[in-house]
Amino acid sequence: MKKEYDFSKAEQGRFYRPIEELEIPIYLDKKVKSFFVKKASDKNISLERVINKILSKEMEILKQIG
């Protein structure tokens, strides 16, 4: 490690991203992922879209039951 670093040309906040914009990966079990990858492929849509549709429907069910 250097004894001293030059930060005179540094840009504050250059790599900052608000938490709302942060994409967090979600890891699925292999069995679950392969099932939904097949379904997405059969319907010619993305895995992300399939998972989002399923989770949206689950959210609606949970809202209805309180």
Protein backbone atom coordinates (compact mmCIF):
# COMPACT_ATOMS: atom_id res chain seq x y z
CA MET A 1 0.00 0.00 0.00
CA LYS A 2 1.26 3.48 -0.82
CA LYS A 3 2.02 5.88 1.96
CA GLU A 4 -0.13 8.55 0.28
CA TYR A 5 -2.72 8.64 -2.52
CA ASP A 6 -3.71 11.55 -4.78
CA PHE A 7 -7.48 12.10 -4.76
CA SER A 8 -7.34 15.55 -6.36
CA LYS A 9 -9.07 14.28 -9.54
CA ALA A 10 -11.53 12.03 -7.71
CA GLU A 11 -15.25 12.39 -8.35
CA GLN A 12 -17.45 12.13 -5.28
CA GLY A 13 -20.43 9.80 -5.65
CA ARG A 14 -19.29 8.42 -9.01
CA PHE A 15 -20.31 4.84 -8.16
CA TYR A 16 -23.24 5.68 -5.89
CA ARG A 17 -26.61 4.16 -6.78
CA PRO A 18 -29.76 4.70 -4.74
CA ILE A 19 -31.01 1.52 -3.09
CA GLU A 20 -34.23 1.68 -5.17
CA GLU A 21 -32.18 1.15 -8.35
CA LEU A 22 -30.13 -1.71 -6.97
CA GLU A 23 -30.81 -5.02 -8.69
CA ILE A 24 -30.51 -7.87 -6.22
CA PRO A 25 -30.08 -11.35 -7.69
CA ILE A 26 -32.51 -14.04 -6.63
CA TYR A 27 -31.25 -17.61 -6.62
CA LEU A 28 -33.71 -20.40 -7.34
CA ASP A 29 -33.31 -24.07 -6.52
CA LYS A 30 -32.18 -26.04 -9.57
CA LYS A 31 -35.43 -28.02 -9.71
CA VAL A 32 -37.58 -24.86 -9.50
CA LYS A 33 -35.47 -22.99 -12.04
CA SER A 34 -35.45 -25.80 -14.59
CA PHE A 35 -39.25 -26.16 -14.29
CA PHE A 36 -39.87 -22.46 -14.96
CA VAL A 37 -37.17 -22.21 -17.63
CA LYS A 38 -39.02 -24.96 -19.52
CA LYS A 39 -42.37 -23.18 -19.09
CA ALA A 40 -40.86 -19.88 -20.27
CA SER A 41 -39.26 -21.57 -23.24
CA ASP A 42 -42.52 -23.31 -24.19
CA LYS A 43 -44.32 -19.94 -24.19
CA ASN A 44 -41.37 -18.12 -25.80
CA ILE A 45 -41.11 -15.56 -22.98
CA SER A 46 -38.35 -14.69 -20.53
CA LEU A 47 -37.83 -16.47 -17.23
CA GLU A 48 -38.02 -13.09 -15.49
CA ARG A 49 -41.48 -12.44 -16.93
CA VAL A 50 -42.77 -15.86 -15.85
CA ILE A 51 -41.46 -15.45 -12.30
CA ASN A 52 -42.82 -11.89 -12.04
CA LYS A 53 -46.28 -13.02 -13.20
CA ILE A 54 -46.34 -15.83 -10.64
CA LEU A 55 -45.20 -13.57 -7.82
CA SER A 56 -47.72 -10.88 -8.81
CA LYS A 57 -50.55 -13.41 -8.64
CA GLU A 58 -49.25 -14.63 -5.27
CA MET A 59 -49.25 -11.03 -4.00
CA GLU A 60 -52.91 -10.64 -5.03
CA ILE A 61 -53.86 -13.85 -3.23
CA LEU A 62 -52.05 -12.72 -0.09
CA LYS A 63 -53.78 -9.32 -0.22
CA GLN A 64 -57.18 -11.01 -0.42
CA ILE A 65 -56.60 -13.23 2.61
CA GLY A 66 -55.26 -10.32 4.64
